[in-house]
Amino acid sequence: KVNIPLLMIHGDVDRRVMYYHLKDYQKAFEAAGKTG
């Protein structure tokens, strides 16, 4: 459903919100053909 561009930034040693959030979302985002 994404309909605007995204910039996503994440630290790779984030202990509160772990780094997998960026990697997993990037994979799903790019598979959906979105711009970010």
PDB file of all heavy atoms in Angstrom:
ATOM      1  N   LYS A   1       0.808  -1.221   0.000  1.00  0.00           N
ATOM      2  CA  LYS A   1       0.000   0.000   0.000  1.00  0.00           C
ATOM      3  C   LYS A   1       0.845   1.277   0.000  1.00  0.00           C
ATOM      4  O   LYS A   1       0.281   2.379  -0.048  1.00  0.00           O
ATOM      5  CB  LYS A   1      -0.913   0.017   1.225  1.00  0.00           C
ATOM      6  CG  LYS A   1      -1.855  -1.179   1.329  1.00  0.00           C
ATOM      7  CD  LYS A   1      -2.662  -1.103   2.628  1.00  0.00           C
ATOM      8  CE  LYS A   1      -3.530  -2.325   2.820  1.00  0.00           C
ATOM      9  NZ  LYS A   1      -4.265  -2.272   4.118  1.00  0.00           N
ATOM     10  N   VAL A   2       2.177   1.149   0.088  1.00  0.00           N
ATOM     11  CA  VAL A   2       3.042   2.326   0.176  1.00  0.00           C
ATOM     12  C   VAL A   2       2.856   3.206  -1.055  1.00  0.00           C
ATOM     13  O   VAL A   2       2.873   2.725  -2.186  1.00  0.00           O
ATOM     14  CB  VAL A   2       4.515   1.896   0.319  1.00  0.00           C
ATOM     15  CG1 VAL A   2       5.457   3.083   0.131  1.00  0.00           C
ATOM     16  CG2 VAL A   2       4.736   1.248   1.677  1.00  0.00           C
ATOM     17  N   ASN A   3       2.701   4.521  -0.847  1.00  0.00           N
ATOM     18  CA  ASN A   3       2.433   5.424  -1.972  1.00  0.00           C
ATOM     19  C   ASN A   3       3.276   6.697  -1.961  1.00  0.00           C
ATOM     20  O   ASN A   3       2.995   7.626  -2.717  1.00  0.00           O
ATOM     21  CB  ASN A   3       0.938   5.781  -2.019  1.00  0.00           C
ATOM     22  CG  ASN A   3       0.409   6.291  -0.694  1.00  0.00           C
ATOM     23  OD1 ASN A   3       0.987   7.173  -0.079  1.00  0.00           O
ATOM     24  ND2 ASN A   3      -0.707   5.705  -0.250  1.00  0.00           N
ATOM     25  N   ILE A   4       4.313   6.762  -1.100  1.00  0.00           N
ATOM     26  CA  ILE A   4       5.256   7.884  -1.109  1.00  0.00           C
ATOM     27  C   ILE A   4       6.661   7.327  -0.902  1.00  0.00           C
ATOM     28  O   ILE A   4       6.831   6.213  -0.417  1.00  0.00           O
ATOM     29  CB  ILE A   4       4.935   8.934  -0.019  1.00  0.00           C
ATOM     30  CG1 ILE A   4       4.903   8.290   1.372  1.00  0.00           C
ATOM     31  CG2 ILE A   4       3.641   9.672  -0.319  1.00  0.00           C
ATOM     32  CD1 ILE A   4       4.780   9.292   2.517  1.00  0.00           C
ATOM     33  N   PRO A   5       7.706   8.109  -1.253  1.00  0.00           N
ATOM     34  CA  PRO A   5       9.084   7.627  -1.091  1.00  0.00           C
ATOM     35  C   PRO A   5       9.496   7.520   0.378  1.00  0.00           C
ATOM     36  O   PRO A   5       8.967   8.212   1.248  1.00  0.00           O
ATOM     37  CB  PRO A   5       9.922   8.694  -1.812  1.00  0.00           C
ATOM     38  CG  PRO A   5       8.976   9.456  -2.662  1.00  0.00           C
ATOM     39  CD  PRO A   5       7.651   9.390  -1.978  1.00  0.00           C
ATOM     40  N   LEU A   6      10.526   6.678   0.611  1.00  0.00           N
ATOM     41  CA  LEU A   6      11.007   6.398   1.962  1.00  0.00           C
ATOM     42  C   LEU A   6      12.519   6.496   2.026  1.00  0.00           C
ATOM     43  O   LEU A   6      13.222   6.017   1.128  1.00  0.00           O
ATOM     44  CB  LEU A   6      10.590   4.978   2.376  1.00  0.00           C
ATOM     45  CG  LEU A   6      11.293   4.372   3.607  1.00  0.00           C
ATOM     46  CD1 LEU A   6      10.879   5.098   4.886  1.00  0.00           C
ATOM     47  CD2 LEU A   6      11.012   2.874   3.716  1.00  0.00           C
ATOM     48  N   LEU A   7      13.013   7.089   3.111  1.00  0.00           N
ATOM     49  CA  LEU A   7      14.403   6.950   3.538  1.00  0.00           C
ATOM     50  C   LEU A   7      14.378   6.248   4.882  1.00  0.00           C
ATOM     51  O   LEU A   7      13.757   6.729   5.825  1.00  0.00           O
ATOM     52  CB  LEU A   7      15.082   8.316   3.661  1.00  0.00           C
ATOM     53  CG  LEU A   7      16.481   8.310   4.313  1.00  0.00           C
ATOM     54  CD1 LEU A   7      17.478   7.524   3.471  1.00  0.00           C
ATOM     55  CD2 LEU A   7      16.982   9.745   4.541  1.00  0.00           C
ATOM     56  N   MET A   8      15.051   5.095   4.972  1.00  0.00           N
ATOM     57  CA  MET A   8      15.079   4.319   6.213  1.00  0.00           C
ATOM     58  C   MET A   8      16.517   4.209   6.692  1.00  0.00           C
ATOM     59  O   MET A   8      17.420   3.866   5.919  1.00  0.00           O
ATOM     60  CB  MET A   8      14.470   2.937   5.992  1.00  0.00           C
ATOM     61  CG  MET A   8      14.209   2.147   7.266  1.00  0.00           C
ATOM     62  SD  MET A   8      13.253   0.625   6.917  1.00  0.00           S
ATOM     63  CE  MET A   8      13.030  -0.021   8.567  1.00  0.00           C
ATOM     64  N   ILE A   9      16.748   4.512   7.975  1.00  0.00           N
ATOM     65  CA  ILE A   9      18.090   4.561   8.550  1.00  0.00           C
ATOM     66  C   ILE A   9      18.087   3.755   9.852  1.00  0.00           C
ATOM     67  O   ILE A   9      17.174   3.892  10.667  1.00  0.00           O
ATOM     68  CB  ILE A   9      18.520   6.013   8.828  1.00  0.00           C
ATOM     69  CG1 ILE A   9      18.471   6.839   7.540  1.00  0.00           C
ATOM     70  CG2 ILE A   9      19.909   6.067   9.446  1.00  0.00           C
ATOM     71  CD1 ILE A   9      18.729   8.316   7.741  1.00  0.00           C
ATOM     72  N   HIS A  10      19.131   2.931  10.052  1.00  0.00           N
ATOM     73  CA  HIS A  10      19.149   2.070  11.237  1.00  0.00           C
ATOM     74  C   HIS A  10      20.585   1.771  11.630  1.00  0.00           C
ATOM     75  O   HIS A  10      21.456   1.556  10.774  1.00  0.00           O
ATOM     76  CB  HIS A  10      18.430   0.746  10.935  1.00  0.00           C
ATOM     77  CG  HIS A  10      17.694   0.172  12.097  1.00  0.00           C
ATOM     78  ND1 HIS A  10      16.319   0.108  12.158  1.00  0.00           N
ATOM     79  CD2 HIS A  10      18.140  -0.373  13.258  1.00  0.00           C
ATOM     80  CE1 HIS A  10      15.950  -0.451  13.301  1.00  0.00           C
ATOM     81  NE2 HIS A  10      17.043  -0.756  13.976  1.00  0.00           N
ATOM     82  N   GLY A  11      20.861   1.762  12.928  1.00  0.00           N
ATOM     83  CA  GLY A  11      22.154   1.317  13.433  1.00  0.00           C
ATOM     84  C   GLY A  11      22.239  -0.194  13.445  1.00  0.00           C
ATOM     85  O   GLY A  11      21.257  -0.881  13.750  1.00  0.00           O
ATOM     86  N   ASP A  12      23.420  -0.730  13.141  1.00  0.00           N
ATOM     87  CA  ASP A  12      23.528  -2.189  13.025  1.00  0.00           C
ATOM     88  C   ASP A  12      23.808  -2.879  14.360  1.00  0.00           C
ATOM     89  O   ASP A  12      23.907  -4.105  14.407  1.00  0.00           O
ATOM     90  CB  ASP A  12      24.578  -2.581  11.981  1.00  0.00           C
ATOM     91  CG  ASP A  12      25.994  -2.162  12.348  1.00  0.00           C
ATOM     92  OD1 ASP A  12      26.171  -1.413  13.326  1.00  0.00           O
ATOM     93  OD2 ASP A  12      26.942  -2.573  11.641  1.00  0.00           O
ATOM     94  N   VAL A  13      23.937  -2.101  15.464  1.00  0.00           N
ATOM     95  CA  VAL A  13      24.053  -2.721  16.785  1.00  0.00           C
ATOM     96  C   VAL A  13      22.971  -2.155  17.714  1.00  0.00           C
ATOM     97  O   VAL A  13      23.194  -1.950  18.913  1.00  0.00           O
ATOM     98  CB  VAL A  13      25.467  -2.548  17.393  1.00  0.00           C
ATOM     99  CG1 VAL A  13      26.478  -3.354  16.605  1.00  0.00           C
ATOM    100  CG2 VAL A  13      25.883  -1.076  17.471  1.00  0.00           C
ATOM    101  N   ASP A  14      21.802  -1.925  17.169  1.00  0.00           N
ATOM    102  CA  ASP A  14      20.661  -1.404  17.929  1.00  0.00           C
ATOM    103  C   ASP A  14      20.121  -2.510  18.829  1.00  0.00           C
ATOM    104  O   ASP A  14      19.693  -3.552  18.361  1.00  0.00           O
ATOM    105  CB  ASP A  14      19.583  -0.931  16.952  1.00  0.00           C
ATOM    106  CG  ASP A  14      18.475  -0.141  17.624  1.00  0.00           C
ATOM    107  OD1 ASP A  14      18.103  -0.482  18.756  1.00  0.00           O
ATOM    108  OD2 ASP A  14      17.968   0.803  16.992  1.00  0.00           O
ATOM    109  N   ARG A  15      20.160  -2.268  20.143  1.00  0.00           N
ATOM    110  CA  ARG A  15      19.711  -3.302  21.085  1.00  0.00           C
ATOM    111  C   ARG A  15      18.231  -3.207  21.391  1.00  0.00           C
ATOM    112  O   ARG A  15      17.626  -4.156  21.865  1.00  0.00           O
ATOM    113  CB  ARG A  15      20.514  -3.217  22.382  1.00  0.00           C
ATOM    114  CG  ARG A  15      20.301  -1.936  23.165  1.00  0.00           C
ATOM    115  CD  ARG A  15      21.310  -1.805  24.294  1.00  0.00           C
ATOM    116  NE  ARG A  15      21.964  -0.535  24.256  1.00  0.00           N
ATOM    117  CZ  ARG A  15      22.090   0.275  25.316  1.00  0.00           C
ATOM    118  NH1 ARG A  15      21.599  -0.085  26.481  1.00  0.00           N
ATOM    119  NH2 ARG A  15      22.704   1.408  25.220  1.00  0.00           N
ATOM    120  N   ARG A  16      17.623  -2.044  21.208  1.00  0.00           N
ATOM    121  CA  ARG A  16      16.204  -1.861  21.515  1.00  0.00           C
ATOM    122  C   ARG A  16      15.327  -2.280  20.335  1.00  0.00           C
ATOM    123  O   ARG A  16      14.332  -2.992  20.484  1.00  0.00           O
ATOM    124  CB  ARG A  16      15.953  -0.403  21.902  1.00  0.00           C
ATOM    125  CG  ARG A  16      14.506   0.013  22.161  1.00  0.00           C
ATOM    126  CD  ARG A  16      13.826  -0.773  23.268  1.00  0.00           C
ATOM    127  NE  ARG A  16      14.569  -0.816  24.497  1.00  0.00           N
ATOM    128  CZ  ARG A  16      14.544   0.121  25.449  1.00  0.00           C
ATOM    129  NH1 ARG A  16      13.810   1.201  25.288  1.00  0.00           N
ATOM    130  NH2 ARG A  16      15.238  -0.033  26.556  1.00  0.00           N
ATOM    131  N   VAL A  17      15.652  -1.805  19.138  1.00  0.00           N
ATOM    132  CA  VAL A  17      14.942  -2.186  17.907  1.00  0.00           C
ATOM    133  C   VAL A  17      16.002  -2.773  16.991  1.00  0.00           C
ATOM    134  O   VAL A  17      16.715  -2.057  16.304  1.00  0.00           O
ATOM    135  CB  VAL A  17      14.249  -0.978  17.252  1.00  0.00           C
ATOM    136  CG1 VAL A  17      13.492  -1.414  16.000  1.00  0.00           C
ATOM    137  CG2 VAL A  17      13.304  -0.291  18.229  1.00  0.00           C
ATOM    138  N   MET A  18      16.096  -4.080  16.964  1.00  0.00           N
ATOM    139  CA  MET A  18      17.249  -4.729  16.362  1.00  0.00           C
ATOM    140  C   MET A  18      17.302  -4.518  14.846  1.00  0.00           C
ATOM    141  O   MET A  18      16.307  -4.212  14.183  1.00  0.00           O
ATOM    142  CB  MET A  18      17.261  -6.207  16.733  1.00  0.00           C
ATOM    143  CG  MET A  18      17.527  -6.439  18.226  1.00  0.00           C
ATOM    144  SD  MET A  18      17.452  -8.178  18.700  1.00  0.00           S
ATOM    145  CE  MET A  18      18.822  -8.856  17.766  1.00  0.00           C
ATOM    146  N   TYR A  19      18.503  -4.689  14.315  1.00  0.00           N
ATOM    147  CA  TYR A  19      18.815  -4.349  12.916  1.00  0.00           C
ATOM    148  C   TYR A  19      17.991  -5.142  11.912  1.00  0.00           C
ATOM    149  O   TYR A  19      17.799  -4.696  10.767  1.00  0.00           O
ATOM    150  CB  TYR A  19      20.311  -4.573  12.706  1.00  0.00           C
ATOM    151  CG  TYR A  19      20.857  -4.164  11.354  1.00  0.00           C
ATOM    152  CD1 TYR A  19      20.650  -2.890  10.845  1.00  0.00           C
ATOM    153  CD2 TYR A  19      21.622  -5.056  10.598  1.00  0.00           C
ATOM    154  CE1 TYR A  19      21.178  -2.515   9.613  1.00  0.00           C
ATOM    155  CE2 TYR A  19      22.159  -4.695   9.376  1.00  0.00           C
ATOM    156  CZ  TYR A  19      21.929  -3.427   8.889  1.00  0.00           C
ATOM    157  OH  TYR A  19      22.458  -3.055   7.667  1.00  0.00           O
ATOM    158  N   TYR A  20      17.471  -6.297  12.309  1.00  0.00           N
ATOM    159  CA  TYR A  20      16.683  -7.087  11.356  1.00  0.00           C
ATOM    160  C   TYR A  20      15.478  -6.311  10.843  1.00  0.00           C
ATOM    161  O   TYR A  20      14.951  -6.611   9.757  1.00  0.00           O
ATOM    162  CB  TYR A  20      16.241  -8.419  11.969  1.00  0.00           C
ATOM    163  CG  TYR A  20      15.226  -8.332  13.082  1.00  0.00           C
ATOM    164  CD1 TYR A  20      13.877  -8.063  12.814  1.00  0.00           C
ATOM    165  CD2 TYR A  20      15.582  -8.554  14.412  1.00  0.00           C
ATOM    166  CE1 TYR A  20      12.931  -8.001  13.839  1.00  0.00           C
ATOM    167  CE2 TYR A  20      14.654  -8.481  15.434  1.00  0.00           C
ATOM    168  CZ  TYR A  20      13.334  -8.203  15.143  1.00  0.00           C
ATOM    169  OH  TYR A  20      12.398  -8.137  16.145  1.00  0.00           O
ATOM    170  N   HIS A  21      15.013  -5.320  11.606  1.00  0.00           N
ATOM    171  CA  HIS A  21      13.860  -4.544  11.157  1.00  0.00           C
ATOM    172  C   HIS A  21      14.147  -3.861   9.822  1.00  0.00           C
ATOM    173  O   HIS A  21      13.308  -3.875   8.915  1.00  0.00           O
ATOM    174  CB  HIS A  21      13.487  -3.496  12.211  1.00  0.00           C
ATOM    175  CG  HIS A  21      12.793  -4.067  13.396  1.00  0.00           C
ATOM    176  ND1 HIS A  21      11.437  -4.311  13.434  1.00  0.00           N
ATOM    177  CD2 HIS A  21      13.285  -4.468  14.605  1.00  0.00           C
ATOM    178  CE1 HIS A  21      11.114  -4.826  14.609  1.00  0.00           C
ATOM    179  NE2 HIS A  21      12.210  -4.940  15.340  1.00  0.00           N
ATOM    180  N   LEU A  22      15.334  -3.273   9.669  1.00  0.00           N
ATOM    181  CA  LEU A  22      15.671  -2.651   8.390  1.00  0.00           C
ATOM    182  C   LEU A  22      15.841  -3.700   7.301  1.00  0.00           C
ATOM    183  O   LEU A  22      15.296  -3.545   6.194  1.00  0.00           O
ATOM    184  CB  LEU A  22      16.946  -1.816   8.523  1.00  0.00           C
ATOM    185  CG  LEU A  22      17.371  -1.101   7.224  1.00  0.00           C
ATOM    186  CD1 LEU A  22      17.859   0.315   7.509  1.00  0.00           C
ATOM    187  CD2 LEU A  22      18.486  -1.879   6.495  1.00  0.00           C
ATOM    188  N   LYS A  23      16.578  -4.758   7.570  1.00  0.00           N
ATOM    189  CA  LYS A  23      16.870  -5.746   6.528  1.00  0.00           C
ATOM    190  C   LYS A  23      15.599  -6.461   6.063  1.00  0.00           C
ATOM    191  O   LYS A  23      15.389  -6.655   4.859  1.00  0.00           O
ATOM    192  CB  LYS A  23      17.897  -6.754   7.037  1.00  0.00           C
ATOM    193  CG  LYS A  23      19.222  -6.140   7.480  1.00  0.00           C
ATOM    194  CD  LYS A  23      19.866  -5.288   6.393  1.00  0.00           C
ATOM    195  CE  LYS A  23      20.339  -6.092   5.209  1.00  0.00           C
ATOM    196  NZ  LYS A  23      21.011  -5.231   4.194  1.00  0.00           N
ATOM    197  N   ASP A  24      14.744  -6.850   6.999  1.00  0.00           N
ATOM    198  CA  ASP A  24      13.506  -7.541   6.620  1.00  0.00           C
ATOM    199  C   ASP A  24      12.572  -6.616   5.847  1.00  0.00           C
ATOM    200  O   ASP A  24      11.952  -7.015   4.851  1.00  0.00           O
ATOM    201  CB  ASP A  24      12.789  -8.065   7.870  1.00  0.00           C
ATOM    202  CG  ASP A  24      13.529  -9.205   8.546  1.00  0.00           C
ATOM    203  OD1 ASP A  24      14.569  -9.634   8.019  1.00  0.00           O
ATOM    204  OD2 ASP A  24      13.077  -9.651   9.625  1.00  0.00           O
ATOM    205  N   TYR A  25      12.475  -5.365   6.309  1.00  0.00           N
ATOM    206  CA  TYR A  25      11.579  -4.423   5.640  1.00  0.00           C
ATOM    207  C   TYR A  25      12.109  -4.072   4.250  1.00  0.00           C
ATOM    208  O   TYR A  25      11.334  -3.979   3.283  1.00  0.00           O
ATOM    209  CB  TYR A  25      11.418  -3.151   6.471  1.00  0.00           C
ATOM    210  CG  TYR A  25      10.313  -2.252   5.976  1.00  0.00           C
ATOM    211  CD1 TYR A  25       8.987  -2.496   6.318  1.00  0.00           C
ATOM    212  CD2 TYR A  25      10.590  -1.162   5.162  1.00  0.00           C
ATOM    213  CE1 TYR A  25       7.960  -1.678   5.856  1.00  0.00           C
ATOM    214  CE2 TYR A  25       9.580  -0.337   4.694  1.00  0.00           C
ATOM    215  CZ  TYR A  25       8.267  -0.604   5.045  1.00  0.00           C
ATOM    216  OH  TYR A  25       7.259   0.211   4.588  1.00  0.00           O
ATOM    217  N   GLN A  26      13.413  -3.900   4.129  1.00  0.00           N
ATOM    218  CA  GLN A  26      14.000  -3.597   2.824  1.00  0.00           C
ATOM    219  C   GLN A  26      13.704  -4.709   1.821  1.00  0.00           C
ATOM    220  O   GLN A  26      13.353  -4.448   0.662  1.00  0.00           O
ATOM    221  CB  GLN A  26      15.513  -3.407   2.964  1.00  0.00           C
ATOM    222  CG  GLN A  26      16.220  -3.083   1.650  1.00  0.00           C
ATOM    223  CD  GLN A  26      17.721  -2.890   1.821  1.00  0.00           C
ATOM    224  OE1 GLN A  26      18.265  -3.082   2.916  1.00  0.00           O
ATOM    225  NE2 GLN A  26      18.400  -2.512   0.751  1.00  0.00           N
ATOM    226  N   LYS A  27      13.816  -5.939   2.270  1.00  0.00           N
ATOM    227  CA  LYS A  27      13.547  -7.075   1.376  1.00  0.00           C
ATOM    228  C   LYS A  27      12.094  -7.061   0.902  1.00  0.00           C
ATOM    229  O   LYS A  27      11.811  -7.213  -0.293  1.00  0.00           O
ATOM    230  CB  LYS A  27      13.859  -8.383   2.108  1.00  0.00           C
ATOM    231  CG  LYS A  27      13.651  -9.633   1.269  1.00  0.00           C
ATOM    232  CD  LYS A  27      14.046 -10.888   2.057  1.00  0.00           C
ATOM    233  CE  LYS A  27      13.832 -12.141   1.223  1.00  0.00           C
ATOM    234  NZ  LYS A  27      14.194 -13.377   1.987  1.00  0.00           N
ATOM    235  N   ALA A  28      11.157  -6.863   1.835  1.00  0.00           N
ATOM    236  CA  ALA A  28       9.738  -6.832   1.463  1.00  0.00           C
ATOM    237  C   ALA A  28       9.420  -5.607   0.613  1.00  0.00           C
ATOM    238  O   ALA A  28       8.636  -5.684  -0.346  1.00  0.00           O
ATOM    239  CB  ALA A  28       8.881  -6.829   2.731  1.00  0.00           C
ATOM    240  N   PHE A  29      10.027  -4.492   0.931  1.00  0.00           N
ATOM    241  CA  PHE A  29       9.787  -3.223   0.239  1.00  0.00           C
ATOM    242  C   PHE A  29      10.235  -3.308  -1.220  1.00  0.00           C
ATOM    243  O   PHE A  29       9.505  -2.936  -2.143  1.00  0.00           O
ATOM    244  CB  PHE A  29      10.557  -2.123   0.978  1.00  0.00           C
ATOM    245  CG  PHE A  29      10.192  -0.721   0.615  1.00  0.00           C
ATOM    246  CD1 PHE A  29       9.118  -0.087   1.220  1.00  0.00           C
ATOM    247  CD2 PHE A  29      10.946  -0.005  -0.305  1.00  0.00           C
ATOM    248  CE1 PHE A  29       8.798   1.222   0.913  1.00  0.00           C
ATOM    249  CE2 PHE A  29      10.640   1.303  -0.618  1.00  0.00           C
ATOM    250  CZ  PHE A  29       9.554   1.916  -0.011  1.00  0.00           C
ATOM    251  N   GLU A  30      11.438  -3.819  -1.407  1.00  0.00           N
ATOM    252  CA  GLU A  30      11.968  -3.920  -2.767  1.00  0.00           C
ATOM    253  C   GLU A  30      11.233  -4.983  -3.577  1.00  0.00           C
ATOM    254  O   GLU A  30      11.039  -4.826  -4.790  1.00  0.00           O
ATOM    255  CB  GLU A  30      13.468  -4.192  -2.709  1.00  0.00           C
ATOM    256  CG  GLU A  30      14.257  -2.999  -2.165  1.00  0.00           C
ATOM    257  CD  GLU A  30      15.731  -3.286  -1.961  1.00  0.00           C
ATOM    258  OE1 GLU A  30      16.111  -4.488  -2.011  1.00  0.00           O
ATOM    259  OE2 GLU A  30      16.507  -2.332  -1.740  1.00  0.00           O
ATOM    260  N   ALA A  31      10.813  -6.049  -2.917  1.00  0.00           N
ATOM    261  CA  ALA A  31      10.034  -7.072  -3.618  1.00  0.00           C
ATOM    262  C   ALA A  31       8.704  -6.518  -4.118  1.00  0.00           C
ATOM    263  O   ALA A  31       8.172  -6.969  -5.137  1.00  0.00           O
ATOM    264  CB  ALA A  31       9.793  -8.268  -2.695  1.00  0.00           C
ATOM    265  N   ALA A  32       8.172  -5.513  -3.409  1.00  0.00           N
ATOM    266  CA  ALA A  32       6.912  -4.880  -3.817  1.00  0.00           C
ATOM    267  C   ALA A  32       7.132  -3.789  -4.857  1.00  0.00           C
ATOM    268  O   ALA A  32       6.163  -3.172  -5.319  1.00  0.00           O
ATOM    269  CB  ALA A  32       6.210  -4.303  -2.593  1.00  0.00           C
ATOM    270  N   GLY A  33       8.408  -3.528  -5.225  1.00  0.00           N
ATOM    271  CA  GLY A  33       8.705  -2.554  -6.256  1.00  0.00           C
ATOM    272  C   GLY A  33       8.538  -1.112  -5.826  1.00  0.00           C
ATOM    273  O   GLY A  33       8.266  -0.240  -6.653  1.00  0.00           O
ATOM    274  N   LYS A  34       8.748  -0.831  -4.566  1.00  0.00           N
ATOM    275  CA  LYS A  34       8.550   0.523  -4.054  1.00  0.00           C
ATOM    276  C   LYS A  34       9.862   1.328  -4.102  1.00  0.00           C
ATOM    277  O   LYS A  34      10.948   0.767  -4.211  1.00  0.00           O
ATOM    278  CB  LYS A  34       8.015   0.479  -2.624  1.00  0.00           C
ATOM    279  CG  LYS A  34       6.697  -0.280  -2.488  1.00  0.00           C
ATOM    280  CD  LYS A  34       5.594   0.348  -3.341  1.00  0.00           C
ATOM    281  CE  LYS A  34       4.295  -0.435  -3.237  1.00  0.00           C
ATOM    282  NZ  LYS A  34       3.205   0.190  -4.024  1.00  0.00           N
ATOM    283  N   THR A  35       9.728   2.659  -3.988  1.00  0.00           N
ATOM    284  CA  THR A  35      10.864   3.562  -4.096  1.00  0.00           C
ATOM    285  C   THR A  35      11.367   3.955  -2.715  1.00  0.00           C
ATOM    286  O   THR A  35      10.597   4.501  -1.910  1.00  0.00           O
ATOM    287  CB  THR A  35      10.478   4.847  -4.856  1.00  0.00           C
ATOM    288  OG1 THR A  35      10.012   4.481  -6.159  1.00  0.00           O
ATOM    289  CG2 THR A  35      11.657   5.803  -4.969  1.00  0.00           C
ATOM    290  N   GLY A  36      12.637   3.650  -2.458  1.00  0.00           N
ATOM    291  CA  GLY A  36      13.183   4.000  -1.155  1.00  0.00           C
ATOM    292  C   GLY A  36      14.685   3.844  -1.103  1.00  0.00           C
ATOM    293  O   GLY A  36      15.305   3.245  -1.992  1.00  0.00           O
TER     294      GLY A  36
END
